[in-house]
């Protein structure tokens, strides 16, 4: 049951700041923000912070704002690009870039690239990286793909009941620890890169950024 933003929206933006899955978007000149019904996880954070009470669950929306359901859906049909996942060759280039950076910094890591649904595309473990880093890198990437945000942003919310419940429902694959970044094409997620093995999460993140640099100026 996704949340819906109605025409009462004043473009305050508070909802964007609290959304844990980055499913709230707009475009220049648009009269309001919009919630992607395919991404919304029904966490109610946006409804709580909305200063003008413009957000409702789709099943609770007042009759006079019923058209807002289609307005939200239509916005994403128009603005979400129809793109495929990262190709295997490109994923392997990203992993190699992450490994190259790690080697320069004297680290041994595992890097994993997943598609938009969290399915594995490629995983690479450097010589010297611990075996468990393969699972950790994948879980981080899976989490970034599911939430559409860098996993470092989820760390402060790791003990929240809603996030713990989601972790259980996803069989423990959610890992709210720094070291994964989603791969986006506009407002469309096409995958995520996760890294594990460095001594600090910040170093894993830098490996991810080195991997994402492969995509700069190139198509996915």
C-alpha atoms as a PDB file:
ATOM      1  CA  UNK A   1       0.000   0.000   0.000  1.00  0.00           C
ATOM      2  CA  UNK A   2       1.945   3.047  -1.185  1.00  0.00           C
ATOM      3  CA  UNK A   3       1.546   6.549   0.129  1.00  0.00           C
ATOM      4  CA  UNK A   4       0.205   9.224  -2.203  1.00  0.00           C
ATOM      5  CA  UNK A   5       0.994  12.937  -2.295  1.00  0.00           C
ATOM      6  CA  UNK A   6      -2.024  15.054  -3.128  1.00  0.00           C
ATOM      7  CA  UNK A   7      -2.351  18.499  -4.667  1.00  0.00           C
ATOM      8  CA  UNK A   8      -2.223  19.949  -1.140  1.00  0.00           C
ATOM      9  CA  UNK A   9       1.569  19.632  -1.412  1.00  0.00           C
ATOM     10  CA  UNK A  10       3.470  22.908  -1.024  1.00  0.00           C
ATOM     11  CA  UNK A  11       6.837  21.544  -2.225  1.00  0.00           C
ATOM     12  CA  UNK A  12       8.191  21.796   1.323  1.00  0.00           C
ATOM     13  CA  UNK A  13      10.548  18.875   0.762  1.00  0.00           C
ATOM     14  CA  UNK A  14      10.540  17.536   4.321  1.00  0.00           C
ATOM     15  CA  UNK A  15       9.203  14.229   3.017  1.00  0.00           C
ATOM     16  CA  UNK A  16      12.205  13.802   0.725  1.00  0.00           C
ATOM     17  CA  UNK A  17      14.618  14.195   3.619  1.00  0.00           C
ATOM     18  CA  UNK A  18      13.074  11.398   5.704  1.00  0.00           C
ATOM     19  CA  UNK A  19      12.214   8.883   2.978  1.00  0.00           C
ATOM     20  CA  UNK A  20      14.473   5.841   3.597  1.00  0.00           C
ATOM     21  CA  UNK A  21      14.167   4.511   0.043  1.00  0.00           C
ATOM     22  CA  UNK A  22      14.419   7.758  -1.937  1.00  0.00           C
ATOM     23  CA  UNK A  23      11.090   7.176  -3.670  1.00  0.00           C
ATOM     24  CA  UNK A  24       9.919  10.815  -3.607  1.00  0.00           C
ATOM     25  CA  UNK A  25      10.785  12.925  -6.638  1.00  0.00           C
ATOM     26  CA  UNK A  26       9.781  15.949  -8.650  1.00  0.00           C
ATOM     27  CA  UNK A  27      10.960  17.860 -11.705  1.00  0.00           C
ATOM     28  CA  UNK A  28      11.658  21.576 -12.268  1.00  0.00           C
ATOM     29  CA  UNK A  29       8.388  23.466 -12.509  1.00  0.00           C
ATOM     30  CA  UNK A  30       6.252  20.573 -11.244  1.00  0.00           C
ATOM     31  CA  UNK A  31       3.507  21.673  -8.818  1.00  0.00           C
ATOM     32  CA  UNK A  32       4.293  19.055  -6.168  1.00  0.00           C
ATOM     33  CA  UNK A  33       6.378  16.040  -5.127  1.00  0.00           C
ATOM     34  CA  UNK A  34       5.401  12.510  -6.158  1.00  0.00           C
ATOM     35  CA  UNK A  35       5.833   9.090  -4.534  1.00  0.00           C
ATOM     36  CA  UNK A  36       6.859   6.188  -6.745  1.00  0.00           C
ATOM     37  CA  UNK A  37       4.264   3.473  -5.973  1.00  0.00           C
ATOM     38  CA  UNK A  38       6.657   0.750  -7.125  1.00  0.00           C
ATOM     39  CA  UNK A  39       9.298   1.753  -4.573  1.00  0.00           C
ATOM     40  CA  UNK A  40       7.336   3.001  -1.537  1.00  0.00           C
ATOM     41  CA  UNK A  41       7.711   0.636   1.446  1.00  0.00           C
ATOM     42  CA  UNK A  42       4.801   2.023   3.495  1.00  0.00           C
ATOM     43  CA  UNK A  43       7.041   3.299   6.323  1.00  0.00           C
ATOM     44  CA  UNK A  44       4.823   6.361   7.029  1.00  0.00           C
ATOM     45  CA  UNK A  45       7.786   8.692   7.639  1.00  0.00           C
ATOM     46  CA  UNK A  46       6.682  11.113   4.920  1.00  0.00           C
ATOM     47  CA  UNK A  47       3.141  11.338   6.280  1.00  0.00           C
ATOM     48  CA  UNK A  48       4.450  12.121   9.759  1.00  0.00           C
ATOM     49  CA  UNK A  49       6.602  15.079   8.708  1.00  0.00           C
ATOM     50  CA  UNK A  50       4.356  16.635   6.049  1.00  0.00           C
ATOM     51  CA  UNK A  51       3.542  20.138   7.361  1.00  0.00           C
ATOM     52  CA  UNK A  52       0.289  20.432   5.401  1.00  0.00           C
ATOM     53  CA  UNK A  53      -1.090  16.875   5.742  1.00  0.00           C
ATOM     54  CA  UNK A  54      -0.891  16.314   2.000  1.00  0.00           C
ATOM     55  CA  UNK A  55       0.112  12.631   2.170  1.00  0.00           C
ATOM     56  CA  UNK A  56      -2.195   9.643   2.588  1.00  0.00           C
ATOM     57  CA  UNK A  57      -2.117   5.884   2.136  1.00  0.00           C
ATOM     58  CA  UNK A  58      -3.760   5.007  -1.150  1.00  0.00           C
ATOM     59  CA  UNK A  59      -6.558   3.170   0.671  1.00  0.00           C
ATOM     60  CA  UNK A  60      -7.200   6.109   3.000  1.00  0.00           C
ATOM     61  CA  UNK A  61      -7.069   8.966   0.525  1.00  0.00           C
ATOM     62  CA  UNK A  62     -10.075  11.332   0.727  1.00  0.00           C
ATOM     63  CA  UNK A  63     -12.513  11.030  -2.164  1.00  0.00           C
ATOM     64  CA  UNK A  64     -11.815  14.569  -3.327  1.00  0.00           C
ATOM     65  CA  UNK A  65      -8.147  13.639  -3.834  1.00  0.00           C
ATOM     66  CA  UNK A  66      -8.721  10.243  -5.429  1.00  0.00           C
ATOM     67  CA  UNK A  67      -7.289  11.423  -8.749  1.00  0.00           C
ATOM     68  CA  UNK A  68      -3.914  11.913  -7.055  1.00  0.00           C
ATOM     69  CA  UNK A  69      -3.277   8.163  -7.220  1.00  0.00           C
ATOM     70  CA  UNK A  70      -3.167   8.269 -10.997  1.00  0.00           C
ATOM     71  CA  UNK A  71      -1.331  11.616 -10.988  1.00  0.00           C
ATOM     72  CA  UNK A  72       1.510  10.073  -8.973  1.00  0.00           C
ATOM     73  CA  UNK A  73       1.660   6.946 -11.114  1.00  0.00           C
ATOM     74  CA  UNK A  74       1.574   8.956 -14.349  1.00  0.00           C
ATOM     75  CA  UNK A  75       4.501  11.111 -13.220  1.00  0.00           C
ATOM     76  CA  UNK A  76       6.736   8.056 -12.971  1.00  0.00           C
ATOM     77  CA  UNK A  77       5.469   6.489 -16.171  1.00  0.00           C
ATOM     78  CA  UNK A  78       6.591   9.676 -17.908  1.00  0.00           C
ATOM     79  CA  UNK A  79       9.864  10.297 -16.080  1.00  0.00           C
ATOM     80  CA  UNK A  80      11.287   6.865 -15.293  1.00  0.00           C
ATOM     81  CA  UNK A  81      13.502   5.738 -18.123  1.00  0.00           C
ATOM     82  CA  UNK A  82      13.032   2.235 -19.498  1.00  0.00           C
ATOM     83  CA  UNK A  83      16.558   0.974 -18.918  1.00  0.00           C
ATOM     84  CA  UNK A  84      18.061  -2.417 -18.303  1.00  0.00           C
ATOM     85  CA  UNK A  85      20.448  -3.546 -15.570  1.00  0.00           C
ATOM     86  CA  UNK A  86      24.189  -3.028 -15.652  1.00  0.00           C
ATOM     87  CA  UNK A  87      25.754  -5.417 -18.169  1.00  0.00           C
ATOM     88  CA  UNK A  88      28.112  -8.129 -16.941  1.00  0.00           C
ATOM     89  CA  UNK A  89      31.039  -6.558 -18.793  1.00  0.00           C
ATOM     90  CA  UNK A  90      30.369  -3.152 -17.231  1.00  0.00           C
ATOM     91  CA  UNK A  91      29.855  -4.722 -13.808  1.00  0.00           C
ATOM     92  CA  UNK A  92      33.209  -6.454 -14.089  1.00  0.00           C
ATOM     93  CA  UNK A  93      34.860  -3.178 -15.092  1.00  0.00           C
ATOM     94  CA  UNK A  94      33.407  -1.612 -11.954  1.00  0.00           C
ATOM     95  CA  UNK A  95      34.671  -4.437  -9.785  1.00  0.00           C
ATOM     96  CA  UNK A  96      38.122  -4.171 -11.333  1.00  0.00           C
ATOM     97  CA  UNK A  97      38.160  -0.430 -10.633  1.00  0.00           C
ATOM     98  CA  UNK A  98      37.224  -1.037  -7.006  1.00  0.00           C
ATOM     99  CA  UNK A  99      40.000  -3.642  -6.734  1.00  0.00           C
ATOM    100  CA  UNK A 100      42.540  -1.324  -8.345  1.00  0.00           C
ATOM    101  CA  UNK A 101      41.765   1.424  -5.874  1.00  0.00           C
ATOM    102  CA  UNK A 102      41.897  -1.006  -2.952  1.00  0.00           C
ATOM    103  CA  UNK A 103      45.259  -2.325  -4.089  1.00  0.00           C
ATOM    104  CA  UNK A 104      46.689   1.181  -4.317  1.00  0.00           C
ATOM    105  CA  UNK A 105      45.515   1.798  -0.763  1.00  0.00           C
ATOM    106  CA  UNK A 106      46.953  -1.484   0.494  1.00  0.00           C
ATOM    107  CA  UNK A 107      43.616  -3.199   1.066  1.00  0.00           C
ATOM    108  CA  UNK A 108      42.061  -6.490  -0.024  1.00  0.00           C
ATOM    109  CA  UNK A 109      38.314  -6.324  -0.649  1.00  0.00           C
ATOM    110  CA  UNK A 110      35.402  -8.021  -2.318  1.00  0.00           C
ATOM    111  CA  UNK A 111      33.153  -6.018  -4.636  1.00  0.00           C
ATOM    112  CA  UNK A 112      29.675  -7.042  -5.773  1.00  0.00           C
ATOM    113  CA  UNK A 113      27.341  -5.570  -8.382  1.00  0.00           C
ATOM    114  CA  UNK A 114      23.619  -6.368  -8.318  1.00  0.00           C
ATOM    115  CA  UNK A 115      20.670  -5.452 -10.512  1.00  0.00           C
ATOM    116  CA  UNK A 116      17.744  -3.281  -9.478  1.00  0.00           C
ATOM    117  CA  UNK A 117      16.046  -6.222  -7.741  1.00  0.00           C
ATOM    118  CA  UNK A 118      19.177  -7.129  -5.802  1.00  0.00           C
ATOM    119  CA  UNK A 119      20.055 -10.093  -7.996  1.00  0.00           C
ATOM    120  CA  UNK A 120      23.812 -10.691  -8.354  1.00  0.00           C
ATOM    121  CA  UNK A 121      25.465  -9.699 -11.636  1.00  0.00           C
ATOM    122  CA  UNK A 122      29.121 -10.119 -10.683  1.00  0.00           C
ATOM    123  CA  UNK A 123      31.206 -10.644  -7.552  1.00  0.00           C
ATOM    124  CA  UNK A 124      34.987 -10.389  -7.334  1.00  0.00           C
ATOM    125  CA  UNK A 125      37.171 -11.193  -4.301  1.00  0.00           C
ATOM    126  CA  UNK A 126      40.774 -10.030  -4.250  1.00  0.00           C
ATOM    127  CA  UNK A 127      43.570 -12.316  -3.134  1.00  0.00           C
ATOM    128  CA  UNK A 128      43.866 -11.846   0.603  1.00  0.00           C
ATOM    129  CA  UNK A 129      40.273 -10.751   1.167  1.00  0.00           C
ATOM    130  CA  UNK A 130      38.485 -12.811   3.779  1.00  0.00           C
ATOM    131  CA  UNK A 131      35.890 -15.271   2.482  1.00  0.00           C
ATOM    132  CA  UNK A 132      33.085 -13.671   4.491  1.00  0.00           C
ATOM    133  CA  UNK A 133      33.570 -10.376   2.637  1.00  0.00           C
ATOM    134  CA  UNK A 134      31.835 -11.894  -0.395  1.00  0.00           C
ATOM    135  CA  UNK A 135      28.566 -12.277   1.499  1.00  0.00           C
ATOM    136  CA  UNK A 136      28.935  -8.900   3.179  1.00  0.00           C
ATOM    137  CA  UNK A 137      29.599  -7.084  -0.108  1.00  0.00           C
ATOM    138  CA  UNK A 138      26.577  -8.730  -1.711  1.00  0.00           C
ATOM    139  CA  UNK A 139      24.327  -7.935   1.266  1.00  0.00           C
ATOM    140  CA  UNK A 140      25.413  -4.300   1.212  1.00  0.00           C
ATOM    141  CA  UNK A 141      24.719  -4.044  -2.519  1.00  0.00           C
ATOM    142  CA  UNK A 142      21.362  -5.793  -2.060  1.00  0.00           C
ATOM    143  CA  UNK A 143      20.449  -3.254   0.637  1.00  0.00           C
ATOM    144  CA  UNK A 144      21.438  -0.240  -1.459  1.00  0.00           C
ATOM    145  CA  UNK A 145      19.361  -1.566  -4.366  1.00  0.00           C
ATOM    146  CA  UNK A 146      16.348  -2.195  -2.146  1.00  0.00           C
ATOM    147  CA  UNK A 147      16.415   1.203  -0.445  1.00  0.00           C
ATOM    148  CA  UNK A 148      17.718   3.271  -3.382  1.00  0.00           C
ATOM    149  CA  UNK A 149      20.174   5.065  -1.076  1.00  0.00           C
ATOM    150  CA  UNK A 150      23.799   4.584  -0.010  1.00  0.00           C
ATOM    151  CA  UNK A 151      23.846   2.137   2.893  1.00  0.00           C
ATOM    152  CA  UNK A 152      25.741   4.640   5.045  1.00  0.00           C
ATOM    153  CA  UNK A 153      22.507   6.666   5.219  1.00  0.00           C
ATOM    154  CA  UNK A 154      20.726   3.728   6.861  1.00  0.00           C
ATOM    155  CA  UNK A 155      23.209   3.302   9.709  1.00  0.00           C
ATOM    156  CA  UNK A 156      21.439   5.782  12.074  1.00  0.00           C
ATOM    157  CA  UNK A 157      18.163   3.891  11.536  1.00  0.00           C
ATOM    158  CA  UNK A 158      19.551   0.384  11.980  1.00  0.00           C
ATOM    159  CA  UNK A 159      17.709  -0.188  15.283  1.00  0.00           C
ATOM    160  CA  UNK A 160      14.384   1.206  14.120  1.00  0.00           C
ATOM    161  CA  UNK A 161      11.592  -1.405  14.387  1.00  0.00           C
ATOM    162  CA  UNK A 162      10.472  -0.932  10.770  1.00  0.00           C
ATOM    163  CA  UNK A 163      13.969  -1.610   9.458  1.00  0.00           C
ATOM    164  CA  UNK A 164      14.495  -4.619  11.697  1.00  0.00           C
ATOM    165  CA  UNK A 165      11.179  -6.061  10.521  1.00  0.00           C
ATOM    166  CA  UNK A 166      12.231  -5.628   6.901  1.00  0.00           C
ATOM    167  CA  UNK A 167      15.555  -7.330   7.647  1.00  0.00           C
ATOM    168  CA  UNK A 168      13.681 -10.346   8.993  1.00  0.00           C
ATOM    169  CA  UNK A 169      11.329 -10.490   6.022  1.00  0.00           C
ATOM    170  CA  UNK A 170      14.308 -10.403   3.662  1.00  0.00           C
ATOM    171  CA  UNK A 171      16.052 -13.264   5.490  1.00  0.00           C
ATOM    172  CA  UNK A 172      18.776 -11.120   6.983  1.00  0.00           C
ATOM    173  CA  UNK A 173      20.057  -9.777   3.670  1.00  0.00           C
ATOM    174  CA  UNK A 174      19.579  -6.155   4.694  1.00  0.00           C
ATOM    175  CA  UNK A 175      22.873  -4.800   5.989  1.00  0.00           C
ATOM    176  CA  UNK A 176      22.675  -1.129   7.060  1.00  0.00           C
ATOM    177  CA  UNK A 177      26.440  -0.583   7.069  1.00  0.00           C
ATOM    178  CA  UNK A 178      28.493   1.812   4.968  1.00  0.00           C
ATOM    179  CA  UNK A 179      29.975   0.372   1.807  1.00  0.00           C
ATOM    180  CA  UNK A 180      27.337   0.302  -0.938  1.00  0.00           C
ATOM    181  CA  UNK A 181      25.919   2.863  -3.342  1.00  0.00           C
ATOM    182  CA  UNK A 182      22.963   2.534  -5.741  1.00  0.00           C
ATOM    183  CA  UNK A 183      23.493   2.913  -9.466  1.00  0.00           C
ATOM    184  CA  UNK A 184      20.907   5.349 -10.836  1.00  0.00           C
ATOM    185  CA  UNK A 185      19.911   6.516 -14.288  1.00  0.00           C
ATOM    186  CA  UNK A 186      17.891   9.646 -13.580  1.00  0.00           C
ATOM    187  CA  UNK A 187      15.196   8.518 -11.138  1.00  0.00           C
ATOM    188  CA  UNK A 188      15.525   4.911 -12.257  1.00  0.00           C
ATOM    189  CA  UNK A 189      17.650   2.494 -10.275  1.00  0.00           C
ATOM    190  CA  UNK A 190      19.599   0.004 -12.397  1.00  0.00           C
ATOM    191  CA  UNK A 191      21.584  -1.703  -9.658  1.00  0.00           C
ATOM    192  CA  UNK A 192      24.066  -1.153  -6.848  1.00  0.00           C
ATOM    193  CA  UNK A 193      27.736  -1.684  -6.025  1.00  0.00           C
ATOM    194  CA  UNK A 194      28.812  -3.029  -2.627  1.00  0.00           C
ATOM    195  CA  UNK A 195      32.294  -3.429  -1.157  1.00  0.00           C
ATOM    196  CA  UNK A 196      33.558  -5.149   1.986  1.00  0.00           C
ATOM    197  CA  UNK A 197      36.987  -5.871   3.398  1.00  0.00           C
ATOM    198  CA  UNK A 198      38.475  -2.504   4.279  1.00  0.00           C
ATOM    199  CA  UNK A 199      39.199  -1.705   7.908  1.00  0.00           C
ATOM    200  CA  UNK A 200      36.704   1.176   7.921  1.00  0.00           C
ATOM    201  CA  UNK A 201      33.363   1.696   6.130  1.00  0.00           C
ATOM    202  CA  UNK A 202      34.668   4.960   4.702  1.00  0.00           C
ATOM    203  CA  UNK A 203      37.315   3.026   2.777  1.00  0.00           C
ATOM    204  CA  UNK A 204      34.727   0.609   1.392  1.00  0.00           C
ATOM    205  CA  UNK A 205      32.739   3.639   0.226  1.00  0.00           C
ATOM    206  CA  UNK A 206      35.760   5.088  -1.568  1.00  0.00           C
ATOM    207  CA  UNK A 207      36.157   1.784  -3.416  1.00  0.00           C
ATOM    208  CA  UNK A 208      32.506   2.053  -4.485  1.00  0.00           C
ATOM    209  CA  UNK A 209      33.083   5.562  -5.779  1.00  0.00           C
ATOM    210  CA  UNK A 210      36.080   4.388  -7.763  1.00  0.00           C
ATOM    211  CA  UNK A 211      33.822   1.750  -9.314  1.00  0.00           C
ATOM    212  CA  UNK A 212      31.068   4.242 -10.132  1.00  0.00           C
ATOM    213  CA  UNK A 213      33.582   6.477 -11.884  1.00  0.00           C
ATOM    214  CA  UNK A 214      33.611   3.847 -14.651  1.00  0.00           C
ATOM    215  CA  UNK A 215      30.063   4.898 -15.540  1.00  0.00           C
ATOM    216  CA  UNK A 216      30.797   8.602 -15.841  1.00  0.00           C
ATOM    217  CA  UNK A 217      30.260   9.727 -19.408  1.00  0.00           C
ATOM    218  CA  UNK A 218      29.149   6.245 -20.469  1.00  0.00           C
ATOM    219  CA  UNK A 219      25.815   4.488 -20.799  1.00  0.00           C
ATOM    220  CA  UNK A 220      24.930   1.709 -18.394  1.00  0.00           C
END
